[in-house]
C-alpha atoms as a PDB file:
ATOM      1  CA  UNK A   1     158.768 161.607  73.445  1.00  0.00           C
ATOM      2  CA  UNK A   2     158.051 161.981  77.175  1.00  0.00           C
ATOM      3  CA  UNK A   3     156.519 159.250  79.329  1.00  0.00           C
ATOM      4  CA  UNK A   4     153.385 161.364  79.903  1.00  0.00           C
ATOM      5  CA  UNK A   5     152.778 161.875  76.207  1.00  0.00           C
ATOM      6  CA  UNK A   6     153.327 158.181  75.521  1.00  0.00           C
ATOM      7  CA  UNK A   7     150.774 157.276  78.161  1.00  0.00           C
ATOM      8  CA  UNK A   8     148.167 159.480  76.561  1.00  0.00           C
ATOM      9  CA  UNK A   9     148.572 157.861  73.155  1.00  0.00           C
ATOM     10  CA  UNK A  10     146.363 154.804  73.839  1.00  0.00           C
ATOM     11  CA  UNK A  11     143.653 157.026  75.276  1.00  0.00           C
ATOM     12  CA  UNK A  12     143.854 159.214  72.147  1.00  0.00           C
ATOM     13  CA  UNK A  13     143.207 156.171  69.982  1.00  0.00           C
ATOM     14  CA  UNK A  14     139.871 155.338  71.576  1.00  0.00           C
ATOM     15  CA  UNK A  15     137.611 157.347  69.282  1.00  0.00           C
ATOM     16  CA  UNK A  16     139.414 156.407  66.041  1.00  0.00           C
ATOM     17  CA  UNK A  17     139.288 152.762  67.158  1.00  0.00           C
ATOM     18  CA  UNK A  18     135.569 152.989  67.919  1.00  0.00           C
ATOM     19  CA  UNK A  19     134.814 154.655  64.584  1.00  0.00           C
ATOM     20  CA  UNK A  20     136.877 152.033  62.755  1.00  0.00           C
ATOM     21  CA  UNK A  21     135.166 149.173  64.564  1.00  0.00           C
ATOM     22  CA  UNK A  22     131.684 150.519  63.827  1.00  0.00           C
ATOM     23  CA  UNK A  23     132.495 151.246  60.172  1.00  0.00           C
ATOM     24  CA  UNK A  24     134.115 147.851  59.565  1.00  0.00           C
ATOM     25  CA  UNK A  25     131.207 146.099  61.282  1.00  0.00           C
ATOM     26  CA  UNK A  26     128.723 147.933  59.048  1.00  0.00           C
ATOM     27  CA  UNK A  27     130.697 147.208  55.855  1.00  0.00           C
ATOM     28  CA  UNK A  28     131.184 143.553  56.795  1.00  0.00           C
ATOM     29  CA  UNK A  29     127.462 143.224  57.519  1.00  0.00           C
ATOM     30  CA  UNK A  30     126.689 144.656  54.087  1.00  0.00           C
ATOM     31  CA  UNK A  31     129.058 142.148  52.506  1.00  0.00           C
ATOM     32  CA  UNK A  32     127.437 139.239  54.347  1.00  0.00           C
ATOM     33  CA  UNK A  33     124.002 140.526  53.314  1.00  0.00           C
ATOM     34  CA  UNK A  34     125.126 140.554  49.689  1.00  0.00           C
ATOM     35  CA  UNK A  35     126.249 136.920  50.026  1.00  0.00           C
ATOM     36  CA  UNK A  36     122.767 136.041  51.296  1.00  0.00           C
ATOM     37  CA  UNK A  37     121.325 137.943  48.333  1.00  0.00           C
ATOM     38  CA  UNK A  38     123.631 135.964  46.054  1.00  0.00           C
ATOM     39  CA  UNK A  39     122.173 132.672  47.300  1.00  0.00           C
ATOM     40  CA  UNK A  40     118.645 134.022  46.856  1.00  0.00           C
ATOM     41  CA  UNK A  41     119.389 135.268  43.323  1.00  0.00           C
ATOM     42  CA  UNK A  42     121.003 131.991  42.280  1.00  0.00           C
ATOM     43  CA  UNK A  43     117.949 130.090  43.536  1.00  0.00           C
ATOM     44  CA  UNK A  44     115.673 132.503  41.668  1.00  0.00           C
ATOM     45  CA  UNK A  45     117.625 132.125  38.426  1.00  0.00           C
ATOM     46  CA  UNK A  46     117.581 128.348  38.801  1.00  0.00           C
ATOM     47  CA  UNK A  47     113.809 128.407  39.247  1.00  0.00           C
ATOM     48  CA  UNK A  48     113.421 130.687  36.216  1.00  0.00           C
ATOM     49  CA  UNK A  49     115.592 128.362  34.131  1.00  0.00           C
ATOM     50  CA  UNK A  50     113.543 125.361  35.231  1.00  0.00           C
ATOM     51  CA  UNK A  51     110.266 127.101  34.381  1.00  0.00           C
ATOM     52  CA  UNK A  52     111.387 128.541  31.063  1.00  0.00           C
ATOM     53  CA  UNK A  53     112.852 125.217  29.831  1.00  0.00           C
ATOM     54  CA  UNK A  54     110.018 122.988  30.986  1.00  0.00           C
ATOM     55  CA  UNK A  55     107.565 121.407  28.546  1.00  0.00           C
ATOM     56  CA  UNK A  56     105.278 124.239  27.371  1.00  0.00           C
ATOM     57  CA  UNK A  57     101.722 124.067  28.694  1.00  0.00           C
ATOM     58  CA  UNK A  58      98.512 125.802  27.711  1.00  0.00           C
ATOM     59  CA  UNK A  59      98.122 129.294  29.202  1.00  0.00           C
ATOM     60  CA  UNK A  60      95.763 129.865  32.140  1.00  0.00           C
ATOM     61  CA  UNK A  61      92.111 129.946  31.109  1.00  0.00           C
ATOM     62  CA  UNK A  62      90.410 133.309  30.892  1.00  0.00           C
ATOM     63  CA  UNK A  63      88.277 132.656  33.982  1.00  0.00           C
ATOM     64  CA  UNK A  64      91.473 132.317  36.057  1.00  0.00           C
ATOM     65  CA  UNK A  65      93.103 135.578  35.016  1.00  0.00           C
ATOM     66  CA  UNK A  66      91.836 137.616  37.954  1.00  0.00           C
ATOM     67  CA  UNK A  67      93.377 135.101  40.374  1.00  0.00           C
ATOM     68  CA  UNK A  68      96.840 135.098  38.819  1.00  0.00           C
ATOM     69  CA  UNK A  69      99.808 136.188  40.939  1.00  0.00           C
ATOM     70  CA  UNK A  70     102.907 137.287  38.951  1.00  0.00           C
ATOM     71  CA  UNK A  71     105.395 135.466  41.165  1.00  0.00           C
ATOM     72  CA  UNK A  72     103.492 132.223  40.565  1.00  0.00           C
ATOM     73  CA  UNK A  73     103.391 132.445  36.767  1.00  0.00           C
ATOM     74  CA  UNK A  74     106.444 134.539  35.838  1.00  0.00           C
ATOM     75  CA  UNK A  75     108.552 132.656  33.232  1.00  0.00           C
ATOM     76  CA  UNK A  76     106.055 129.786  32.982  1.00  0.00           C
ATOM     77  CA  UNK A  77     106.595 128.072  29.626  1.00  0.00           C
ATOM     78  CA  UNK A  78     103.426 128.110  27.514  1.00  0.00           C
ATOM     79  CA  UNK A  79     102.274 127.428  23.972  1.00  0.00           C
ATOM     80  CA  UNK A  80      99.646 129.554  22.213  1.00  0.00           C
ATOM     81  CA  UNK A  81      97.634 128.941  19.065  1.00  0.00           C
ATOM     82  CA  UNK A  82      95.903 131.873  17.474  1.00  0.00           C
ATOM     83  CA  UNK A  83      95.705 134.652  14.939  1.00  0.00           C
ATOM     84  CA  UNK A  84      97.854 137.775  15.125  1.00  0.00           C
ATOM     85  CA  UNK A  85      96.076 141.139  15.030  1.00  0.00           C
ATOM     86  CA  UNK A  86      98.972 142.809  13.260  1.00  0.00           C
ATOM     87  CA  UNK A  87      97.090 146.076  12.767  1.00  0.00           C
ATOM     88  CA  UNK A  88      97.111 146.529  16.547  1.00  0.00           C
ATOM     89  CA  UNK A  89     100.811 145.884  17.144  1.00  0.00           C
ATOM     90  CA  UNK A  90     102.834 148.518  18.980  1.00  0.00           C
ATOM     91  CA  UNK A  91     106.525 149.333  19.212  1.00  0.00           C
ATOM     92  CA  UNK A  92     107.897 149.890  22.711  1.00  0.00           C
ATOM     93  CA  UNK A  93     111.197 151.746  23.032  1.00  0.00           C
ATOM     94  CA  UNK A  94     114.119 149.579  24.159  1.00  0.00           C
ATOM     95  CA  UNK A  95     117.503 151.155  24.806  1.00  0.00           C
ATOM     96  CA  UNK A  96     119.091 147.826  25.841  1.00  0.00           C
ATOM     97  CA  UNK A  97     118.968 145.794  22.672  1.00  0.00           C
ATOM     98  CA  UNK A  98     121.378 143.060  21.568  1.00  0.00           C
ATOM     99  CA  UNK A  99     125.058 143.641  22.291  1.00  0.00           C
ATOM    100  CA  UNK A 100     126.079 142.169  18.931  1.00  0.00           C
ATOM    101  CA  UNK A 101     128.062 144.706  16.857  1.00  0.00           C
ATOM    102  CA  UNK A 102     125.726 144.463  13.865  1.00  0.00           C
ATOM    103  CA  UNK A 103     122.884 145.988  15.896  1.00  0.00           C
ATOM    104  CA  UNK A 104     122.378 149.429  17.320  1.00  0.00           C
ATOM    105  CA  UNK A 105     121.672 149.431  21.041  1.00  0.00           C
ATOM    106  CA  UNK A 106     118.609 151.573  20.342  1.00  0.00           C
ATOM    107  CA  UNK A 107     115.531 149.863  19.021  1.00  0.00           C
ATOM    108  CA  UNK A 108     112.022 148.718  19.842  1.00  0.00           C
ATOM    109  CA  UNK A 109     110.190 145.695  21.181  1.00  0.00           C
ATOM    110  CA  UNK A 110     107.356 144.503  18.961  1.00  0.00           C
ATOM    111  CA  UNK A 111     104.223 143.740  20.986  1.00  0.00           C
ATOM    112  CA  UNK A 112     101.532 142.072  18.906  1.00  0.00           C
ATOM    113  CA  UNK A 113      98.103 140.853  20.095  1.00  0.00           C
ATOM    114  CA  UNK A 114      97.380 137.192  19.449  1.00  0.00           C
ATOM    115  CA  UNK A 115      93.693 136.265  19.426  1.00  0.00           C
ATOM    116  CA  UNK A 116      92.966 132.735  20.629  1.00  0.00           C
ATOM    117  CA  UNK A 117      90.128 130.468  19.482  1.00  0.00           C
ATOM    118  CA  UNK A 118      87.893 131.550  22.385  1.00  0.00           C
ATOM    119  CA  UNK A 119      88.218 135.219  21.398  1.00  0.00           C
ATOM    120  CA  UNK A 120      90.573 136.141  24.244  1.00  0.00           C
ATOM    121  CA  UNK A 121      93.757 138.019  23.440  1.00  0.00           C
ATOM    122  CA  UNK A 122      97.298 137.619  24.729  1.00  0.00           C
ATOM    123  CA  UNK A 123      99.928 140.255  23.958  1.00  0.00           C
ATOM    124  CA  UNK A 124     103.056 138.590  22.577  1.00  0.00           C
ATOM    125  CA  UNK A 125     106.441 140.241  22.924  1.00  0.00           C
ATOM    126  CA  UNK A 126     107.902 139.132  19.607  1.00  0.00           C
ATOM    127  CA  UNK A 127     111.290 140.672  20.220  1.00  0.00           C
ATOM    128  CA  UNK A 128     113.637 143.430  19.169  1.00  0.00           C
ATOM    129  CA  UNK A 129     113.884 145.416  15.953  1.00  0.00           C
ATOM    130  CA  UNK A 130     116.590 148.064  15.449  1.00  0.00           C
ATOM    131  CA  UNK A 131     115.690 151.627  14.643  1.00  0.00           C
ATOM    132  CA  UNK A 132     116.257 155.113  15.986  1.00  0.00           C
ATOM    133  CA  UNK A 133     112.591 156.026  15.523  1.00  0.00           C
ATOM    134  CA  UNK A 134     109.336 154.045  15.330  1.00  0.00           C
ATOM    135  CA  UNK A 135     109.158 154.799  11.604  1.00  0.00           C
ATOM    136  CA  UNK A 136     112.652 153.400  11.008  1.00  0.00           C
ATOM    137  CA  UNK A 137     111.825 150.300  13.040  1.00  0.00           C
ATOM    138  CA  UNK A 138     108.640 149.796  11.000  1.00  0.00           C
ATOM    139  CA  UNK A 139     110.679 149.946   7.804  1.00  0.00           C
ATOM    140  CA  UNK A 140     112.985 147.228   9.139  1.00  0.00           C
ATOM    141  CA  UNK A 141     109.957 145.073   9.917  1.00  0.00           C
ATOM    142  CA  UNK A 142     108.546 145.581   6.438  1.00  0.00           C
ATOM    143  CA  UNK A 143     111.723 144.196   4.824  1.00  0.00           C
ATOM    144  CA  UNK A 144     112.029 140.718   3.341  1.00  0.00           C
ATOM    145  CA  UNK A 145     113.742 139.462   6.525  1.00  0.00           C
ATOM    146  CA  UNK A 146     110.709 140.169   8.698  1.00  0.00           C
ATOM    147  CA  UNK A 147     109.208 137.374  10.782  1.00  0.00           C
ATOM    148  CA  UNK A 148     105.810 139.114  10.889  1.00  0.00           C
ATOM    149  CA  UNK A 149     104.503 137.423   7.781  1.00  0.00           C
ATOM    150  CA  UNK A 150     102.124 134.743   9.079  1.00  0.00           C
ATOM    151  CA  UNK A 151      98.890 135.822  10.809  1.00  0.00           C
ATOM    152  CA  UNK A 152      98.024 132.305  12.014  1.00  0.00           C
ATOM    153  CA  UNK A 153     100.689 131.160  14.399  1.00  0.00           C
ATOM    154  CA  UNK A 154     101.743 128.796  17.129  1.00  0.00           C
ATOM    155  CA  UNK A 155     103.778 130.699  19.680  1.00  0.00           C
ATOM    156  CA  UNK A 156     105.994 129.155  22.340  1.00  0.00           C
ATOM    157  CA  UNK A 157     107.290 131.450  25.036  1.00  0.00           C
ATOM    158  CA  UNK A 158     107.292 132.451  28.695  1.00  0.00           C
ATOM    159  CA  UNK A 159     104.644 134.353  30.622  1.00  0.00           C
ATOM    160  CA  UNK A 160     105.700 137.752  31.948  1.00  0.00           C
ATOM    161  CA  UNK A 161     103.896 140.308  34.120  1.00  0.00           C
ATOM    162  CA  UNK A 162     103.355 143.900  32.937  1.00  0.00           C
ATOM    163  CA  UNK A 163     106.462 146.057  32.951  1.00  0.00           C
ATOM    164  CA  UNK A 164     106.369 148.467  35.913  1.00  0.00           C
ATOM    165  CA  UNK A 165     106.834 152.181  35.474  1.00  0.00           C
ATOM    166  CA  UNK A 166     109.193 154.308  37.529  1.00  0.00           C
ATOM    167  CA  UNK A 167     109.806 158.005  38.088  1.00  0.00           C
ATOM    168  CA  UNK A 168     112.077 158.251  35.034  1.00  0.00           C
ATOM    169  CA  UNK A 169     109.795 156.438  32.555  1.00  0.00           C
ATOM    170  CA  UNK A 170     108.386 158.862  29.964  1.00  0.00           C
ATOM    171  CA  UNK A 171     104.637 158.921  29.483  1.00  0.00           C
ATOM    172  CA  UNK A 172     103.271 156.724  26.687  1.00  0.00           C
ATOM    173  CA  UNK A 173     101.794 158.554  23.711  1.00  0.00           C
ATOM    174  CA  UNK A 174      99.624 156.080  21.775  1.00  0.00           C
ATOM    175  CA  UNK A 175      98.454 158.705  19.252  1.00  0.00           C
ATOM    176  CA  UNK A 176     101.999 159.276  18.014  1.00  0.00           C
ATOM    177  CA  UNK A 177     102.975 155.624  18.409  1.00  0.00           C
ATOM    178  CA  UNK A 178     105.477 156.282  21.197  1.00  0.00           C
ATOM    179  CA  UNK A 179     105.456 153.619  23.894  1.00  0.00           C
ATOM    180  CA  UNK A 180     107.883 153.189  26.777  1.00  0.00           C
ATOM    181  CA  UNK A 181     106.286 150.416  28.881  1.00  0.00           C
ATOM    182  CA  UNK A 182     105.163 146.907  28.070  1.00  0.00           C
ATOM    183  CA  UNK A 183     101.738 147.006  29.698  1.00  0.00           C
ATOM    184  CA  UNK A 184      98.927 144.876  28.202  1.00  0.00           C
ATOM    185  CA  UNK A 185      96.197 146.945  29.874  1.00  0.00           C
ATOM    186  CA  UNK A 186      97.452 150.199  28.338  1.00  0.00           C
ATOM    187  CA  UNK A 187      97.818 148.626  24.894  1.00  0.00           C
ATOM    188  CA  UNK A 188      94.313 147.152  25.117  1.00  0.00           C
ATOM    189  CA  UNK A 189      92.909 150.542  26.115  1.00  0.00           C
ATOM    190  CA  UNK A 190      94.662 152.355  23.257  1.00  0.00           C
ATOM    191  CA  UNK A 191      93.632 149.771  20.623  1.00  0.00           C
ATOM    192  CA  UNK A 192      90.100 149.267  22.015  1.00  0.00           C
ATOM    193  CA  UNK A 193      90.725 145.581  22.594  1.00  0.00           C
ATOM    194  CA  UNK A 194      88.680 143.446  24.974  1.00  0.00           C
ATOM    195  CA  UNK A 195      89.346 140.144  26.740  1.00  0.00           C
ATOM    196  CA  UNK A 196      93.068 140.949  26.964  1.00  0.00           C
ATOM    197  CA  UNK A 197      95.159 138.885  29.378  1.00  0.00           C
ATOM    198  CA  UNK A 198      96.816 140.746  32.279  1.00  0.00           C
ATOM    199  CA  UNK A 199     100.137 139.123  31.349  1.00  0.00           C
ATOM    200  CA  UNK A 200     102.307 138.941  28.248  1.00  0.00           C
ATOM    201  CA  UNK A 201     104.232 136.136  26.588  1.00  0.00           C
ATOM    202  CA  UNK A 202     107.854 136.640  25.552  1.00  0.00           C
ATOM    203  CA  UNK A 203     108.387 134.556  22.447  1.00  0.00           C
ATOM    204  CA  UNK A 204     111.141 131.945  22.577  1.00  0.00           C
ATOM    205  CA  UNK A 205     114.286 132.539  20.576  1.00  0.00           C
ATOM    206  CA  UNK A 206     113.810 131.359  17.000  1.00  0.00           C
ATOM    207  CA  UNK A 207     116.584 129.512  15.141  1.00  0.00           C
ATOM    208  CA  UNK A 208     118.351 131.367  12.344  1.00  0.00           C
ATOM    209  CA  UNK A 209     116.874 130.336   9.001  1.00  0.00           C
ATOM    210  CA  UNK A 210     119.154 130.074   5.947  1.00  0.00           C
ATOM    211  CA  UNK A 211     121.786 132.113   7.781  1.00  0.00           C
ATOM    212  CA  UNK A 212     119.419 135.092   7.954  1.00  0.00           C
ATOM    213  CA  UNK A 213     118.337 136.869  11.131  1.00  0.00           C
ATOM    214  CA  UNK A 214     114.630 137.576  10.943  1.00  0.00           C
ATOM    215  CA  UNK A 215     113.225 140.577  12.751  1.00  0.00           C
ATOM    216  CA  UNK A 216     111.909 140.959  15.323  1.00  0.00           C
ATOM    217  CA  UNK A 217     114.660 139.143  17.176  1.00  0.00           C
ATOM    218  CA  UNK A 218     113.269 137.475  20.338  1.00  0.00           C
ATOM    219  CA  UNK A 219     115.162 138.381  23.498  1.00  0.00           C
ATOM    220  CA  UNK A 220     113.900 136.249  26.335  1.00  0.00           C
ATOM    221  CA  UNK A 221     113.858 138.077  29.649  1.00  0.00           C
ATOM    222  CA  UNK A 222     115.838 135.700  31.894  1.00  0.00           C
ATOM    223  CA  UNK A 223     119.086 137.273  30.690  1.00  0.00           C
ATOM    224  CA  UNK A 224     117.817 140.679  31.824  1.00  0.00           C
ATOM    225  CA  UNK A 225     118.126 139.782  35.500  1.00  0.00           C
ATOM    226  CA  UNK A 226     121.505 140.969  36.830  1.00  0.00           C
ATOM    227  CA  UNK A 227     123.414 138.937  39.377  1.00  0.00           C
ATOM    228  CA  UNK A 228     126.217 141.140  40.681  1.00  0.00           C
ATOM    229  CA  UNK A 229     125.905 140.335  44.386  1.00  0.00           C
ATOM    230  CA  UNK A 230     129.287 138.564  44.565  1.00  0.00           C
ATOM    231  CA  UNK A 231     131.056 141.646  43.206  1.00  0.00           C
ATOM    232  CA  UNK A 232     129.108 143.842  45.619  1.00  0.00           C
ATOM    233  CA  UNK A 233     130.135 141.614  48.542  1.00  0.00           C
ATOM    234  CA  UNK A 234     133.798 141.814  47.540  1.00  0.00           C
ATOM    235  CA  UNK A 235     133.482 145.601  47.357  1.00  0.00           C
ATOM    236  CA  UNK A 236     132.093 145.891  50.899  1.00  0.00           C
ATOM    237  CA  UNK A 237     134.672 143.460  52.305  1.00  0.00           C
ATOM    238  CA  UNK A 238     137.441 145.293  50.451  1.00  0.00           C
ATOM    239  CA  UNK A 239     136.365 148.639  51.889  1.00  0.00           C
ATOM    240  CA  UNK A 240     136.310 147.143  55.396  1.00  0.00           C
ATOM    241  CA  UNK A 241     139.834 145.770  54.974  1.00  0.00           C
ATOM    242  CA  UNK A 242     141.036 149.068  53.530  1.00  0.00           C
ATOM    243  CA  UNK A 243     139.696 151.074  56.482  1.00  0.00           C
ATOM    244  CA  UNK A 244     141.140 148.542  58.941  1.00  0.00           C
ATOM    245  CA  UNK A 245     144.512 148.810  57.231  1.00  0.00           C
ATOM    246  CA  UNK A 246     144.406 152.601  57.428  1.00  0.00           C
ATOM    247  CA  UNK A 247     143.621 152.408  61.153  1.00  0.00           C
ATOM    248  CA  UNK A 248     146.490 149.989  61.809  1.00  0.00           C
ATOM    249  CA  UNK A 249     148.845 152.292  59.942  1.00  0.00           C
ATOM    250  CA  UNK A 250     147.556 155.238  61.990  1.00  0.00           C
ATOM    251  CA  UNK A 251     148.125 153.333  65.248  1.00  0.00           C
ATOM    252  CA  UNK A 252     151.693 152.413  64.328  1.00  0.00           C
ATOM    253  CA  UNK A 253     152.546 155.984  63.379  1.00  0.00           C
ATOM    254  CA  UNK A 254     150.855 157.299  66.521  1.00  0.00           C
ATOM    255  CA  UNK A 255     152.802 154.989  68.834  1.00  0.00           C
ATOM    256  CA  UNK A 256     156.031 156.009  67.102  1.00  0.00           C
ATOM    257  CA  UNK A 257     155.160 159.646  67.633  1.00  0.00           C
ATOM    258  CA  UNK A 258     154.882 160.387  63.909  1.00  0.00           C
ATOM    259  CA  UNK A 259     151.359 161.839  64.185  1.00  0.00           C
END
């Protein structure tokens, strides 16, 4: 290799070096951002755990419902006393049921209105029941292992806001009994219910009785919140190191005249 060609090598590395520096800076920034998100998510999960395991309180009074803010009440532990309106229960499709091998991953959430002493109604998410269709899920609920056998009930659970819809959520079809979102307002409208709370209550997990699982099986929502920010951070940092390593290898080969 001539002296002139060797002198041009460093100048020829400028643009690859700049691109590598910019790319590694971006990837490292994304990794650091994910670490900040990790701290935020851990704090959020700790707050949810504290709320959901606190001593259950009475739910907000009806005259306060219009002032409720989801982030202030989400996962608040409450206790309800009332009478189930079982004829107005709905089954909402749930493709992420229990991971236990004895259950299919396809099933439904049972949402049942609970009427309180003052006539107001709170929709209770009683949990999961397996079934490929609403009719099959209903048959499982009608079996001897069903937990829907007592109209008068005391329910302990956590407050949850309505489930948001997205672009991929199918439209609800109340006439055919096909529901895809847990939305108290829509259920109230379909069942002609009044004085329905703008929030729901996810029932606490019930203990197994006599070794028998009773459907519906409560699945409290805290476990539904993913926390993968540490893995994401490692991915971004790993990509940055990989690109840096490739650039170093390119520089060595370039200076040796191999490229």
